[in-house]
Amino acid sequence: MRRTVLIAAGATAGLLALRTATKGRGPAVMETMMSRCWEMLPEEAPPVRMLHDLSTIREQNDRILRLLEQRMDSPS
Protein backbone atom coordinates (compact mmCIF):
# COMPACT_ATOMS: atom_id res chain seq x y z
CA MET A 1 0.00 0.00 0.00
CA ARG A 2 2.74 2.39 0.97
CA ARG A 3 4.69 1.57 -2.19
CA THR A 4 1.62 2.23 -4.35
CA VAL A 5 1.09 5.64 -2.74
CA LEU A 6 4.77 6.54 -3.26
CA ILE A 7 4.65 5.46 -6.92
CA ALA A 8 1.46 7.45 -7.51
CA ALA A 9 2.96 10.52 -5.81
CA GLY A 10 6.14 10.21 -7.87
CA ALA A 11 4.20 9.84 -11.12
CA THR A 12 2.06 12.86 -10.26
CA ALA A 13 5.13 14.94 -9.41
CA GLY A 14 6.78 13.88 -12.66
CA LEU A 15 3.74 14.82 -14.72
CA LEU A 16 3.46 18.19 -12.99
CA ALA A 17 7.16 18.86 -13.59
CA LEU A 18 6.77 17.95 -17.27
CA ARG A 19 3.71 20.16 -17.59
CA THR A 20 5.53 23.09 -15.97
CA ALA A 21 8.64 22.59 -18.10
CA THR A 22 6.65 22.51 -21.34
CA LYS A 23 4.20 25.29 -20.51
CA GLY A 24 3.44 27.20 -23.68
CA ARG A 25 5.37 24.69 -25.79
CA GLY A 26 3.05 21.73 -25.38
CA PRO A 27 2.10 21.19 -29.02
CA ALA A 28 5.71 21.58 -30.19
CA VAL A 29 6.95 19.08 -27.60
CA MET A 30 4.18 16.64 -28.52
CA GLU A 31 4.98 16.99 -32.24
CA THR A 32 8.67 16.30 -31.56
CA MET A 33 7.84 13.26 -29.45
CA MET A 34 5.48 11.85 -32.08
CA SER A 35 7.98 12.39 -34.90
CA ARG A 36 10.62 10.49 -32.93
CA CYS A 37 8.16 7.66 -32.32
CA TRP A 38 7.35 7.45 -36.05
CA GLU A 39 11.08 7.35 -36.89
CA MET A 40 11.61 4.40 -34.53
CA LEU A 41 8.75 2.35 -35.99
CA PRO A 42 9.75 -0.35 -38.45
CA GLU A 43 8.39 -0.05 -41.98
CA GLU A 44 6.15 -3.09 -41.44
CA ALA A 45 4.46 -1.64 -38.34
CA PRO A 46 0.66 -1.51 -38.68
CA PRO A 47 0.33 2.31 -38.42
CA VAL A 48 3.03 2.84 -41.06
CA ARG A 49 1.44 0.25 -43.37
CA MET A 50 -1.95 1.83 -42.81
CA LEU A 51 -0.66 5.26 -43.87
CA HIS A 52 0.99 3.79 -46.96
CA ASP A 53 -2.25 2.01 -47.80
CA LEU A 54 -4.19 5.27 -47.42
CA SER A 55 -1.86 7.06 -49.81
CA THR A 56 -2.21 4.19 -52.29
CA ILE A 57 -5.99 4.39 -52.06
CA ARG A 58 -5.87 8.15 -52.66
CA GLU A 59 -3.67 7.66 -55.71
CA GLN A 60 -6.03 5.02 -57.10
CA ASN A 61 -9.06 7.24 -56.48
CA ASP A 62 -7.38 10.16 -58.25
CA ARG A 63 -6.55 7.93 -61.21
CA ILE A 64 -10.13 6.64 -61.41
CA LEU A 65 -11.52 10.18 -61.23
CA ARG A 66 -9.20 11.31 -64.04
CA LEU A 67 -10.32 8.37 -66.20
CA LEU A 68 -13.98 9.14 -65.53
CA GLU A 69 -13.48 12.81 -66.38
CA GLN A 70 -11.74 11.84 -69.62
CA ARG A 71 -14.64 9.56 -70.56
CA MET A 72 -17.18 12.28 -69.85
CA ASP A 73 -15.21 14.87 -71.86
CA SER A 74 -14.67 12.66 -74.90
CA PRO A 75 -17.57 12.33 -77.35
CA SER A 76 -19.05 8.85 -77.53
PDB file of N, CA and C in Angstrom:
ATOM      1  N   MET A   1       0.825  -1.190   0.000  1.00  0.00           N
ATOM      2  CA  MET A   1       0.000   0.000   0.000  1.00  0.00           C
ATOM      3  C   MET A   1       0.871   1.256   0.000  1.00  0.00           C
ATOM      4  N   ARG A   2       1.861   1.226   0.866  1.00  0.00           N
ATOM      5  CA  ARG A   2       2.738   2.390   0.971  1.00  0.00           C
ATOM      6  C   ARG A   2       3.515   2.601  -0.337  1.00  0.00           C
ATOM      7  N   ARG A   3       3.953   1.497  -0.930  1.00  0.00           N
ATOM      8  CA  ARG A   3       4.694   1.568  -2.188  1.00  0.00           C
ATOM      9  C   ARG A   3       3.808   2.147  -3.294  1.00  0.00           C
ATOM     10  N   THR A   4       2.554   1.740  -3.337  1.00  0.00           N
ATOM     11  CA  THR A   4       1.617   2.235  -4.345  1.00  0.00           C
ATOM     12  C   THR A   4       1.419   3.739  -4.212  1.00  0.00           C
ATOM     13  N   VAL A   5       1.278   4.209  -2.981  1.00  0.00           N
ATOM     14  CA  VAL A   5       1.095   5.643  -2.743  1.00  0.00           C
ATOM     15  C   VAL A   5       2.345   6.410  -3.173  1.00  0.00           C
ATOM     16  N   LEU A   6       3.523   5.874  -2.874  1.00  0.00           N
ATOM     17  CA  LEU A   6       4.768   6.538  -3.263  1.00  0.00           C
ATOM     18  C   LEU A   6       4.927   6.574  -4.787  1.00  0.00           C
ATOM     19  N   ILE A   7       4.568   5.488  -5.452  1.00  0.00           N
ATOM     20  CA  ILE A   7       4.654   5.455  -6.917  1.00  0.00           C
ATOM     21  C   ILE A   7       3.680   6.457  -7.524  1.00  0.00           C
ATOM     22  N   ALA A   8       2.461   6.506  -7.000  1.00  0.00           N
ATOM     23  CA  ALA A   8       1.459   7.451  -7.509  1.00  0.00           C
ATOM     24  C   ALA A   8       1.911   8.892  -7.278  1.00  0.00           C
ATOM     25  N   ALA A   9       2.476   9.164  -6.104  1.00  0.00           N
ATOM     26  CA  ALA A   9       2.958  10.516  -5.810  1.00  0.00           C
ATOM     27  C   ALA A   9       4.122  10.884  -6.727  1.00  0.00           C
ATOM     28  N   GLY A  10       5.014   9.951  -6.972  1.00  0.00           N
ATOM     29  CA  GLY A  10       6.143  10.207  -7.872  1.00  0.00           C
ATOM     30  C   GLY A  10       5.687  10.453  -9.302  1.00  0.00           C
ATOM     31  N   ALA A  11       4.719   9.661  -9.761  1.00  0.00           N
ATOM     32  CA  ALA A  11       4.196   9.843 -11.115  1.00  0.00           C
ATOM     33  C   ALA A  11       3.508  11.195 -11.245  1.00  0.00           C
ATOM     34  N   THR A  12       2.742  11.571 -10.239  1.00  0.00           N
ATOM     35  CA  THR A  12       2.058  12.864 -10.260  1.00  0.00           C
ATOM     36  C   THR A  12       3.066  14.007 -10.272  1.00  0.00           C
ATOM     37  N   ALA A  13       4.096  13.900  -9.449  1.00  0.00           N
ATOM     38  CA  ALA A  13       5.127  14.942  -9.410  1.00  0.00           C
ATOM     39  C   ALA A  13       5.850  15.031 -10.749  1.00  0.00           C
ATOM     40  N   GLY A  14       6.119  13.891 -11.352  1.00  0.00           N
ATOM     41  CA  GLY A  14       6.777  13.883 -12.659  1.00  0.00           C
ATOM     42  C   GLY A  14       5.927  14.534 -13.730  1.00  0.00           C
ATOM     43  N   LEU A  15       4.641  14.221 -13.739  1.00  0.00           N
ATOM     44  CA  LEU A  15       3.735  14.823 -14.718  1.00  0.00           C
ATOM     45  C   LEU A  15       3.608  16.327 -14.517  1.00  0.00           C
ATOM     46  N   LEU A  16       3.533  16.757 -13.265  1.00  0.00           N
ATOM     47  CA  LEU A  16       3.458  18.193 -12.992  1.00  0.00           C
ATOM     48  C   LEU A  16       4.742  18.903 -13.414  1.00  0.00           C
ATOM     49  N   ALA A  17       5.886  18.264 -13.180  1.00  0.00           N
ATOM     50  CA  ALA A  17       7.161  18.860 -13.594  1.00  0.00           C
ATOM     51  C   ALA A  17       7.233  18.958 -15.114  1.00  0.00           C
ATOM     52  N   LEU A  18       6.781  17.921 -15.806  1.00  0.00           N
ATOM     53  CA  LEU A  18       6.774  17.946 -17.269  1.00  0.00           C
ATOM     54  C   LEU A  18       5.836  19.024 -17.793  1.00  0.00           C
ATOM     55  N   ARG A  19       4.684  19.140 -17.164  1.00  0.00           N
ATOM     56  CA  ARG A  19       3.713  20.159 -17.590  1.00  0.00           C
ATOM     57  C   ARG A  19       4.276  21.564 -17.381  1.00  0.00           C
ATOM     58  N   THR A  20       4.941  21.781 -16.256  1.00  0.00           N
ATOM     59  CA  THR A  20       5.527  23.088 -15.970  1.00  0.00           C
ATOM     60  C   THR A  20       6.677  23.386 -16.930  1.00  0.00           C
ATOM     61  N   ALA A  21       7.488  22.385 -17.219  1.00  0.00           N
ATOM     62  CA  ALA A  21       8.644  22.586 -18.096  1.00  0.00           C
ATOM     63  C   ALA A  21       8.229  22.874 -19.530  1.00  0.00           C
ATOM     64  N   THR A  22       7.082  22.342 -19.945  1.00  0.00           N
ATOM     65  CA  THR A  22       6.653  22.513 -21.338  1.00  0.00           C
ATOM     66  C   THR A  22       5.532  23.525 -21.478  1.00  0.00           C
ATOM     67  N   LYS A  23       5.299  24.328 -20.462  1.00  0.00           N
ATOM     68  CA  LYS A  23       4.198  25.292 -20.508  1.00  0.00           C
ATOM     69  C   LYS A  23       4.382  26.252 -21.682  1.00  0.00           C
ATOM     70  N   GLY A  24       3.377  26.336 -22.514  1.00  0.00           N
ATOM     71  CA  GLY A  24       3.441  27.198 -23.675  1.00  0.00           C
ATOM     72  C   GLY A  24       4.086  26.542 -24.886  1.00  0.00           C
ATOM     73  N   ARG A  25       4.731  25.394 -24.684  1.00  0.00           N
ATOM     74  CA  ARG A  25       5.371  24.692 -25.792  1.00  0.00           C
ATOM     75  C   ARG A  25       4.796  23.293 -25.946  1.00  0.00           C
ATOM     76  N   GLY A  26       3.647  23.059 -25.377  1.00  0.00           N
ATOM     77  CA  GLY A  26       3.050  21.730 -25.380  1.00  0.00           C
ATOM     78  C   GLY A  26       2.905  21.107 -26.750  1.00  0.00           C
ATOM     79  N   PRO A  27       2.265  21.797 -27.699  1.00  0.00           N
ATOM     80  CA  PRO A  27       2.103  21.190 -29.024  1.00  0.00           C
ATOM     81  C   PRO A  27       3.434  20.908 -29.719  1.00  0.00           C
ATOM     82  N   ALA A  28       4.413  21.792 -29.546  1.00  0.00           N
ATOM     83  CA  ALA A  28       5.713  21.576 -30.186  1.00  0.00           C
ATOM     84  C   ALA A  28       6.413  20.365 -29.585  1.00  0.00           C
ATOM     85  N   VAL A  29       6.328  20.223 -28.270  1.00  0.00           N
ATOM     86  CA  VAL A  29       6.948  19.080 -27.602  1.00  0.00           C
ATOM     87  C   VAL A  29       6.255  17.796 -28.038  1.00  0.00           C
ATOM     88  N   MET A  30       4.934  17.821 -28.110  1.00  0.00           N
ATOM     89  CA  MET A  30       4.185  16.637 -28.522  1.00  0.00           C
ATOM     90  C   MET A  30       4.522  16.260 -29.959  1.00  0.00           C
ATOM     91  N   GLU A  31       4.635  17.252 -30.833  1.00  0.00           N
ATOM     92  CA  GLU A  31       4.981  16.992 -32.237  1.00  0.00           C
ATOM     93  C   GLU A  31       6.364  16.355 -32.340  1.00  0.00           C
ATOM     94  N   THR A  32       7.317  16.855 -31.554  1.00  0.00           N
ATOM     95  CA  THR A  32       8.667  16.298 -31.559  1.00  0.00           C
ATOM     96  C   THR A  32       8.657  14.862 -31.068  1.00  0.00           C
ATOM     97  N   MET A  33       7.916  14.611 -29.989  1.00  0.00           N
ATOM     98  CA  MET A  33       7.841  13.257 -29.449  1.00  0.00           C
ATOM     99  C   MET A  33       7.216  12.300 -30.456  1.00  0.00           C
ATOM    100  N   MET A  34       6.143  12.718 -31.110  1.00  0.00           N
ATOM    101  CA  MET A  34       5.475  11.849 -32.079  1.00  0.00           C
ATOM    102  C   MET A  34       6.365  11.590 -33.293  1.00  0.00           C
ATOM    103  N   SER A  35       7.103  12.600 -33.746  1.00  0.00           N
ATOM    104  CA  SER A  35       7.977  12.386 -34.903  1.00  0.00           C
ATOM    105  C   SER A  35       9.086  11.397 -34.562  1.00  0.00           C
ATOM    106  N   ARG A  36       9.594  11.458 -33.339  1.00  0.00           N
ATOM    107  CA  ARG A  36      10.622  10.490 -32.931  1.00  0.00           C
ATOM    108  C   ARG A  36      10.041   9.088 -32.846  1.00  0.00           C
ATOM    109  N   CYS A  37       8.813   8.976 -32.379  1.00  0.00           N
ATOM    110  CA  CYS A  37       8.162   7.659 -32.318  1.00  0.00           C
ATOM    111  C   CYS A  37       7.988   7.091 -33.720  1.00  0.00           C
ATOM    112  N   TRP A  38       7.551   7.919 -34.673  1.00  0.00           N
ATOM    113  CA  TRP A  38       7.355   7.451 -36.052  1.00  0.00           C
ATOM    114  C   TRP A  38       8.672   7.011 -36.666  1.00  0.00           C
ATOM    115  N   GLU A  39       9.773   7.715 -36.345  1.00  0.00           N
ATOM    116  CA  GLU A  39      11.081   7.345 -36.886  1.00  0.00           C
ATOM    117  C   GLU A  39      11.536   5.991 -36.362  1.00  0.00           C
ATOM    118  N   MET A  40      11.173   5.664 -35.123  1.00  0.00           N
ATOM    119  CA  MET A  40      11.610   4.403 -34.529  1.00  0.00           C
ATOM    120  C   MET A  40      10.784   3.208 -34.999  1.00  0.00           C
ATOM    121  N   LEU A  41       9.593   3.453 -35.543  1.00  0.00           N
ATOM    122  CA  LEU A  41       8.748   2.349 -35.988  1.00  0.00           C
ATOM    123  C   LEU A  41       9.350   1.668 -37.209  1.00  0.00           C
ATOM    124  N   PRO A  42       9.306   0.339 -37.237  1.00  0.00           N
ATOM    125  CA  PRO A  42       9.754  -0.348 -38.451  1.00  0.00           C
ATOM    126  C   PRO A  42       8.769  -0.110 -39.587  1.00  0.00           C
ATOM    127  N   GLU A  43       9.220  -0.310 -40.803  1.00  0.00           N
ATOM    128  CA  GLU A  43       8.391  -0.048 -41.979  1.00  0.00           C
ATOM    129  C   GLU A  43       7.164  -0.960 -42.022  1.00  0.00           C
ATOM    130  N   GLU A  44       7.256  -2.139 -41.409  1.00  0.00           N
ATOM    131  CA  GLU A  44       6.149  -3.089 -41.441  1.00  0.00           C
ATOM    132  C   GLU A  44       5.159  -2.891 -40.290  1.00  0.00           C
ATOM    133  N   ALA A  45       5.362  -1.876 -39.470  1.00  0.00           N
ATOM    134  CA  ALA A  45       4.458  -1.638 -38.340  1.00  0.00           C
ATOM    135  C   ALA A  45       3.066  -1.294 -38.860  1.00  0.00           C
ATOM    136  N   PRO A  46       2.018  -1.756 -38.189  1.00  0.00           N
ATOM    137  CA  PRO A  46       0.656  -1.511 -38.684  1.00  0.00           C
ATOM    138  C   PRO A  46       0.323  -0.045 -38.958  1.00  0.00           C
ATOM    139  N   PRO A  47       0.676   0.924 -38.095  1.00  0.00           N
ATOM    140  CA  PRO A  47       0.329   2.313 -38.423  1.00  0.00           C
ATOM    141  C   PRO A  47       1.032   2.812 -39.682  1.00  0.00           C
ATOM    142  N   VAL A  48       2.286   2.401 -39.881  1.00  0.00           N
ATOM    143  CA  VAL A  48       3.026   2.840 -41.058  1.00  0.00           C
ATOM    144  C   VAL A  48       2.407   2.223 -42.305  1.00  0.00           C
ATOM    145  N   ARG A  49       2.087   0.921 -42.231  1.00  0.00           N
ATOM    146  CA  ARG A  49       1.441   0.246 -43.366  1.00  0.00           C
ATOM    147  C   ARG A  49       0.101   0.884 -43.675  1.00  0.00           C
ATOM    148  N   MET A  50      -0.633   1.236 -42.616  1.00  0.00           N
ATOM    149  CA  MET A  50      -1.949   1.833 -42.813  1.00  0.00           C
ATOM    150  C   MET A  50      -1.822   3.164 -43.558  1.00  0.00           C
ATOM    151  N   LEU A  51      -0.839   3.982 -43.194  1.00  0.00           N
ATOM    152  CA  LEU A  51      -0.656   5.263 -43.871  1.00  0.00           C
ATOM    153  C   LEU A  51      -0.242   5.067 -45.322  1.00  0.00           C
ATOM    154  N   HIS A  52       0.616   4.066 -45.571  1.00  0.00           N
ATOM    155  CA  HIS A  52       0.995   3.786 -46.957  1.00  0.00           C
ATOM    156  C   HIS A  52      -0.217   3.323 -47.751  1.00  0.00           C
ATOM    157  N   ASP A  53      -1.052   2.494 -47.116  1.00  0.00           N
ATOM    158  CA  ASP A  53      -2.255   2.015 -47.795  1.00  0.00           C
ATOM    159  C   ASP A  53      -3.202   3.169 -48.100  1.00  0.00           C
ATOM    160  N   LEU A  54      -3.322   4.115 -47.183  1.00  0.00           N
ATOM    161  CA  LEU A  54      -4.188   5.269 -47.425  1.00  0.00           C
ATOM    162  C   LEU A  54      -3.690   6.098 -48.600  1.00  0.00           C
ATOM    163  N   SER A  55      -2.386   6.289 -48.680  1.00  0.00           N
ATOM    164  CA  SER A  55      -1.861   7.061 -49.809  1.00  0.00           C
ATOM    165  C   SER A  55      -2.060   6.305 -51.116  1.00  0.00           C
ATOM    166  N   THR A  56      -1.955   4.988 -51.086  1.00  0.00           N
ATOM    167  CA  THR A  56      -2.208   4.191 -52.287  1.00  0.00           C
ATOM    168  C   THR A  56      -3.660   4.304 -52.708  1.00  0.00           C
ATOM    169  N   ILE A  57      -4.565   4.260 -51.755  1.00  0.00           N
ATOM    170  CA  ILE A  57      -5.994   4.385 -52.057  1.00  0.00           C
ATOM    171  C   ILE A  57      -6.282   5.756 -52.662  1.00  0.00           C
ATOM    172  N   ARG A  58      -5.678   6.801 -52.105  1.00  0.00           N
ATOM    173  CA  ARG A  58      -5.874   8.146 -52.655  1.00  0.00           C
ATOM    174  C   ARG A  58      -5.381   8.231 -54.095  1.00  0.00           C
ATOM    175  N   GLU A  59      -4.213   7.646 -54.351  1.00  0.00           N
ATOM    176  CA  GLU A  59      -3.673   7.662 -55.714  1.00  0.00           C
ATOM    177  C   GLU A  59      -4.601   6.924 -56.677  1.00  0.00           C
ATOM    178  N   GLN A  60      -5.118   5.784 -56.246  1.00  0.00           N
ATOM    179  CA  GLN A  60      -6.032   5.023 -57.102  1.00  0.00           C
ATOM    180  C   GLN A  60      -7.319   5.803 -57.345  1.00  0.00           C
ATOM    181  N   ASN A  61      -7.838   6.440 -56.314  1.00  0.00           N
ATOM    182  CA  ASN A  61      -9.059   7.239 -56.478  1.00  0.00           C
ATOM    183  C   ASN A  61      -8.835   8.398 -57.445  1.00  0.00           C
ATOM    184  N   ASP A  62      -7.688   9.057 -57.328  1.00  0.00           N
ATOM    185  CA  ASP A  62      -7.377  10.156 -58.250  1.00  0.00           C
ATOM    186  C   ASP A  62      -7.294   9.657 -59.687  1.00  0.00           C
ATOM    187  N   ARG A  63      -6.670   8.498 -59.863  1.00  0.00           N
ATOM    188  CA  ARG A  63      -6.549   7.926 -61.205  1.00  0.00           C
ATOM    189  C   ARG A  63      -7.919   7.581 -61.775  1.00  0.00           C
ATOM    190  N   ILE A  64      -8.777   6.991 -60.960  1.00  0.00           N
ATOM    191  CA  ILE A  64     -10.129   6.639 -61.405  1.00  0.00           C
ATOM    192  C   ILE A  64     -10.917   7.894 -61.764  1.00  0.00           C
ATOM    193  N   LEU A  65     -10.806   8.933 -60.943  1.00  0.00           N
ATOM    194  CA  LEU A  65     -11.523  10.176 -61.234  1.00  0.00           C
ATOM    195  C   LEU A  65     -11.040  10.810 -62.536  1.00  0.00           C
ATOM    196  N   ARG A  66      -9.726  10.774 -62.772  1.00  0.00           N
ATOM    197  CA  ARG A  66      -9.197  11.308 -64.036  1.00  0.00           C
ATOM    198  C   ARG A  66      -9.745  10.527 -65.226  1.00  0.00           C
ATOM    199  N   LEU A  67      -9.785   9.196 -65.107  1.00  0.00           N
ATOM    200  CA  LEU A  67     -10.322   8.372 -66.197  1.00  0.00           C
ATOM    201  C   LEU A  67     -11.797   8.673 -66.446  1.00  0.00           C
ATOM    202  N   LEU A  68     -12.556   8.827 -65.369  1.00  0.00           N
ATOM    203  CA  LEU A  68     -13.979   9.137 -65.527  1.00  0.00           C
ATOM    204  C   LEU A  68     -14.181  10.504 -66.176  1.00  0.00           C
ATOM    205  N   GLU A  69     -13.378  11.477 -65.778  1.00  0.00           N
ATOM    206  CA  GLU A  69     -13.482  12.808 -66.380  1.00  0.00           C
ATOM    207  C   GLU A  69     -13.119  12.769 -67.860  1.00  0.00           C
ATOM    208  N   GLN A  70     -12.117  11.972 -68.214  1.00  0.00           N
ATOM    209  CA  GLN A  70     -11.738  11.842 -69.618  1.00  0.00           C
ATOM    210  C   GLN A  70     -12.875  11.217 -70.428  1.00  0.00           C
ATOM    211  N   ARG A  71     -13.528  10.212 -69.860  1.00  0.00           N
ATOM    212  CA  ARG A  71     -14.641   9.563 -70.562  1.00  0.00           C
ATOM    213  C   ARG A  71     -15.811  10.518 -70.749  1.00  0.00           C
ATOM    214  N   MET A  72     -16.056  11.352 -69.747  1.00  0.00           N
ATOM    215  CA  MET A  72     -17.181  12.282 -69.852  1.00  0.00           C
ATOM    216  C   MET A  72     -16.875  13.407 -70.841  1.00  0.00           C
ATOM    217  N   ASP A  73     -15.597  13.794 -70.944  1.00  0.00           N
ATOM    218  CA  ASP A  73     -15.210  14.867 -71.857  1.00  0.00           C
ATOM    219  C   ASP A  73     -15.152  14.398 -73.305  1.00  0.00           C
ATOM    220  N   SER A  74     -14.790  13.150 -73.517  1.00  0.00           N
ATOM    221  CA  SER A  74     -14.665  12.663 -74.896  1.00  0.00           C
ATOM    222  C   SER A  74     -16.039  12.320 -75.470  1.00  0.00           C
ATOM    223  N   PRO A  75     -16.270  12.655 -76.738  1.00  0.00           N
ATOM    224  CA  PRO A  75     -17.569  12.331 -77.353  1.00  0.00           C
ATOM    225  C   PRO A  75     -17.686  10.829 -77.590  1.00  0.00           C
ATOM    226  N   SER A  76     -18.857  10.288 -77.358  1.00  0.00           N
ATOM    227  CA  SER A  76     -19.052   8.848 -77.534  1.00  0.00           C
ATOM    228  C   SER A  76     -19.561   8.537 -78.910  1.00  0.00           C
TER     229      SER A  76
END
